[in-house]
Amino acid sequence: RQVTSSTCSTPAETNVVQMEVRPIAVAADITVSDVSQCINLTATLTATSTGITTPVYKWYADASLNNLLHTGSAYTTQTLSATTSYYITVSGVEKCENISSTAKQVTVTVLTPTSAGTVATVSPVCTGVNSSTLTLSGHAGNILKWQSSTLANFSASIIDIAQTTSTITVNNLTTTTYYRAVVQNNGCSIENSNATGV
């Protein structure tokens, strides 16, 4: 406040002005979870805060907080083909918006997609008493099972084989039979390998 006076008047006091200084929000003021997902999907991220009244969240593409993507508690990303991080700020009644050094980072990890690999060709066998070993290579993911069919395109007559290793041995075939592996990685899409005939 200010006190004023003159030679002809009694000193007078102005009104009192209170200035509130609010702290800057920090990363711990924001709760958000990292996400892991398959390639070429969007992700929805949601931020919350228990210590700030009427929070306003801002989502940025860069740690310097120059590229604002969205304002709001939930943000849906674009389709992602690579692991990507985002930076979140919050402001409200109790605190001012984070600065770049105190923003909250959240990461969407893009998982390695399924690759079914290739089943190598094998030499022809004579009908009746025979044995062939088929090998899958170049795959990314777990082998869920093998399948066989008497049709090269597997359009019908498919038989599931409870084998989860990269090799399978087949014996005593009496007709040409085709085999393939069924592979899945990180819970992503299930893919079939090529079909190889014996």
Protein backbone atom coordinates (compact mmCIF):
# COMPACT_ATOMS: atom_id res chain seq x y z
CA ARG A 1 0.00 0.00 0.00
CA GLN A 2 1.03 3.60 -0.37
CA VAL A 3 0.84 6.42 2.21
CA THR A 4 0.29 9.93 0.83
CA SER A 5 0.19 13.33 2.52
CA SER A 6 0.49 17.03 1.87
CA THR A 7 1.08 20.07 4.04
CA CYS A 8 -2.65 20.71 4.20
CA SER A 9 -4.05 17.24 4.80
CA THR A 10 -3.79 14.26 7.09
CA PRO A 11 -1.77 11.36 5.65
CA ALA A 12 -4.02 8.80 3.95
CA GLU A 13 -3.50 5.12 3.20
CA THR A 14 -4.50 3.43 -0.05
CA ASN A 15 -6.21 0.04 -0.18
CA VAL A 16 -4.15 -3.13 0.39
CA VAL A 17 -3.40 -5.27 -2.67
CA GLN A 18 -2.54 -8.91 -2.09
CA MET A 19 -0.41 -10.66 -4.70
CA GLU A 20 -0.67 -14.44 -4.74
CA VAL A 21 2.38 -16.30 -5.98
CA ARG A 22 1.54 -19.79 -7.18
CA PRO A 23 4.20 -22.50 -7.60
CA ILE A 24 4.94 -24.10 -10.95
CA ALA A 25 3.57 -27.61 -11.41
CA VAL A 26 6.01 -30.51 -11.48
CA ALA A 27 5.92 -33.92 -13.16
CA ALA A 28 4.70 -35.58 -9.96
CA ASP A 29 1.48 -33.52 -10.18
CA ILE A 30 0.47 -35.53 -13.26
CA THR A 31 -0.42 -39.22 -13.34
CA VAL A 32 -0.36 -40.97 -16.72
CA SER A 33 0.64 -44.49 -17.76
CA ASP A 34 3.01 -45.59 -20.49
CA VAL A 35 1.47 -47.84 -23.14
CA SER A 36 2.81 -50.75 -25.19
CA GLN A 37 0.99 -51.70 -28.38
CA CYS A 38 1.33 -53.20 -31.83
CA ILE A 39 2.43 -51.27 -34.87
CA ASN A 40 0.09 -49.04 -36.92
CA LEU A 41 -2.42 -48.37 -34.14
CA THR A 42 -3.46 -45.25 -32.26
CA ALA A 43 -3.20 -44.97 -28.48
CA THR A 44 -5.45 -43.07 -26.07
CA LEU A 45 -3.57 -41.56 -23.12
CA THR A 46 -5.33 -40.12 -20.07
CA ALA A 47 -3.82 -37.76 -17.50
CA THR A 48 -5.12 -37.14 -13.98
CA SER A 49 -4.08 -35.05 -11.00
CA THR A 50 -5.14 -35.38 -7.36
CA GLY A 51 -3.62 -32.16 -6.07
CA ILE A 52 -4.80 -29.55 -8.55
CA THR A 53 -8.31 -28.09 -8.72
CA THR A 54 -9.83 -27.58 -12.18
CA PRO A 55 -6.76 -28.94 -13.96
CA VAL A 56 -6.03 -27.99 -17.57
CA TYR A 57 -3.78 -30.46 -19.36
CA LYS A 58 -1.72 -29.71 -22.44
CA TRP A 59 -0.01 -32.35 -24.58
CA TYR A 60 3.17 -31.55 -26.50
CA ALA A 61 5.17 -33.43 -29.11
CA ASP A 62 8.53 -32.15 -27.88
CA ALA A 63 10.35 -31.78 -24.56
CA SER A 64 10.80 -28.04 -25.20
CA LEU A 65 6.99 -27.62 -25.18
CA ASN A 66 6.91 -25.81 -28.51
CA ASN A 67 4.59 -28.12 -30.46
CA LEU A 68 1.19 -28.23 -28.76
CA LEU A 69 -0.87 -31.21 -29.88
CA HIS A 70 -3.95 -31.12 -27.68
CA THR A 71 -5.60 -29.54 -24.66
CA GLY A 72 -7.63 -31.84 -22.41
CA SER A 73 -7.24 -34.76 -20.03
CA ALA A 74 -7.28 -37.43 -22.78
CA TYR A 75 -5.25 -37.48 -25.98
CA THR A 76 -5.50 -39.93 -28.87
CA THR A 77 -2.32 -40.22 -30.87
CA GLN A 78 -1.96 -40.56 -34.58
CA THR A 79 -1.28 -44.02 -36.01
CA LEU A 80 2.16 -44.96 -34.73
CA SER A 81 4.81 -46.99 -36.50
CA ALA A 82 7.61 -46.28 -34.00
CA THR A 83 7.99 -45.73 -30.26
CA THR A 84 6.99 -42.13 -29.45
CA SER A 85 7.10 -39.92 -26.34
CA TYR A 86 4.77 -37.07 -25.41
CA TYR A 87 5.09 -34.31 -22.81
CA ILE A 88 2.24 -33.14 -20.58
CA THR A 89 1.74 -30.00 -18.52
CA VAL A 90 -0.98 -29.08 -16.06
CA SER A 91 -2.22 -25.83 -14.53
CA GLY A 92 -5.05 -25.05 -12.13
CA VAL A 93 -6.15 -23.15 -9.08
CA GLU A 94 -3.14 -24.11 -6.99
CA LYS A 95 -0.33 -24.16 -9.55
CA CYS A 96 0.91 -22.61 -12.77
CA GLU A 97 1.70 -24.66 -15.86
CA ASN A 98 4.82 -26.81 -15.88
CA ILE A 99 7.89 -25.51 -17.63
CA SER A 100 9.90 -27.71 -19.99
CA SER A 101 12.14 -29.10 -17.25
CA THR A 102 9.18 -30.19 -15.09
CA ALA A 103 6.80 -31.56 -17.73
CA LYS A 104 5.60 -35.16 -17.45
CA GLN A 105 6.86 -37.56 -20.13
CA VAL A 106 4.77 -40.51 -21.30
CA THR A 107 5.88 -43.07 -23.88
CA VAL A 108 3.96 -45.27 -26.30
CA THR A 109 6.17 -48.27 -27.08
CA VAL A 110 5.50 -49.83 -30.48
CA LEU A 111 6.12 -53.55 -30.27
CA THR A 112 7.91 -55.61 -32.89
CA PRO A 113 5.23 -56.95 -35.23
CA THR A 114 4.70 -60.62 -36.02
CA SER A 115 6.78 -62.09 -38.82
CA ALA A 116 5.74 -65.63 -39.73
CA GLY A 117 9.03 -66.60 -41.34
CA THR A 118 9.65 -69.23 -43.99
CA VAL A 119 9.33 -73.01 -43.98
CA ALA A 120 12.14 -74.46 -46.09
CA THR A 121 11.35 -76.86 -48.88
CA VAL A 122 12.17 -80.54 -48.46
CA SER A 123 13.00 -83.31 -50.89
CA PRO A 124 10.19 -85.46 -52.27
CA VAL A 125 9.58 -88.82 -50.56
CA CYS A 126 8.15 -92.13 -51.67
CA THR A 127 4.68 -93.04 -50.46
CA GLY A 128 4.25 -95.28 -47.46
CA VAL A 129 7.32 -95.44 -45.23
CA ASN A 130 9.00 -92.02 -45.14
CA SER A 131 10.12 -89.24 -42.83
CA SER A 132 10.70 -85.51 -43.40
CA THR A 133 11.70 -82.69 -41.07
CA LEU A 134 10.34 -79.22 -41.80
CA THR A 135 12.10 -76.15 -40.38
CA LEU A 136 10.77 -72.62 -39.86
CA SER A 137 13.30 -69.77 -39.91
CA GLY A 138 13.32 -65.98 -39.99
CA HIS A 139 10.25 -65.62 -37.79
CA ALA A 140 9.56 -63.04 -35.06
CA GLY A 141 7.22 -64.32 -32.39
CA ASN A 142 6.02 -67.50 -30.77
CA ILE A 143 4.93 -70.51 -32.79
CA LEU A 144 1.39 -71.19 -31.67
CA LYS A 145 0.99 -74.37 -33.69
CA TRP A 146 1.61 -76.00 -37.05
CA GLN A 147 -1.08 -76.85 -39.54
CA SER A 148 -1.38 -79.32 -42.38
CA SER A 149 -3.68 -79.64 -45.36
CA THR A 150 -3.87 -81.63 -48.56
CA LEU A 151 -4.61 -78.35 -50.34
CA ALA A 152 -1.75 -75.94 -51.04
CA ASN A 153 -3.93 -72.88 -50.36
CA PHE A 154 -5.28 -74.27 -47.07
CA SER A 155 -8.82 -73.49 -48.18
CA ALA A 156 -10.11 -76.67 -46.52
CA SER A 157 -9.06 -79.88 -44.75
CA ILE A 158 -6.92 -78.01 -42.24
CA ILE A 159 -5.55 -80.03 -39.35
CA ASP A 160 -3.99 -78.32 -36.30
CA ILE A 161 -0.77 -79.84 -34.98
CA ALA A 162 0.15 -79.10 -31.37
CA GLN A 163 3.79 -78.38 -32.05
CA THR A 164 5.35 -75.10 -30.87
CA THR A 165 8.99 -75.54 -31.88
CA SER A 166 10.58 -74.38 -35.11
CA THR A 167 10.92 -77.91 -36.49
CA ILE A 168 8.37 -80.62 -37.11
CA THR A 169 8.90 -84.18 -38.30
CA VAL A 170 6.23 -85.91 -40.37
CA ASN A 171 6.21 -89.62 -41.12
CA ASN A 172 4.67 -92.18 -43.44
CA LEU A 173 2.72 -89.88 -45.74
CA THR A 174 0.64 -91.52 -48.46
CA THR A 175 -0.38 -88.33 -50.27
CA THR A 176 1.17 -84.93 -50.84
CA THR A 177 0.55 -82.82 -47.73
CA TYR A 178 1.30 -79.16 -47.08
CA TYR A 179 2.53 -77.70 -43.80
CA ARG A 180 2.74 -74.20 -42.36
CA ALA A 181 3.48 -72.56 -38.99
CA VAL A 182 1.18 -70.16 -37.16
CA VAL A 183 3.08 -67.36 -35.39
CA GLN A 184 2.23 -64.46 -33.06
CA ASN A 185 4.51 -61.82 -31.52
CA ASN A 186 3.78 -59.58 -28.51
CA GLY A 187 0.05 -60.23 -28.70
CA CYS A 188 -0.04 -58.64 -32.16
CA SER A 189 -1.56 -60.14 -35.30
CA ILE A 190 -1.45 -63.90 -35.89
CA GLU A 191 0.35 -64.72 -39.14
CA ASN A 192 0.82 -67.87 -41.19
CA SER A 193 4.10 -68.86 -42.77
CA ASN A 194 4.35 -70.06 -46.32
CA ALA A 195 3.13 -73.57 -47.03
CA THR A 196 5.62 -76.27 -47.96
CA GLY A 197 4.56 -79.55 -49.47
CA VAL A 198 5.90 -82.99 -48.72
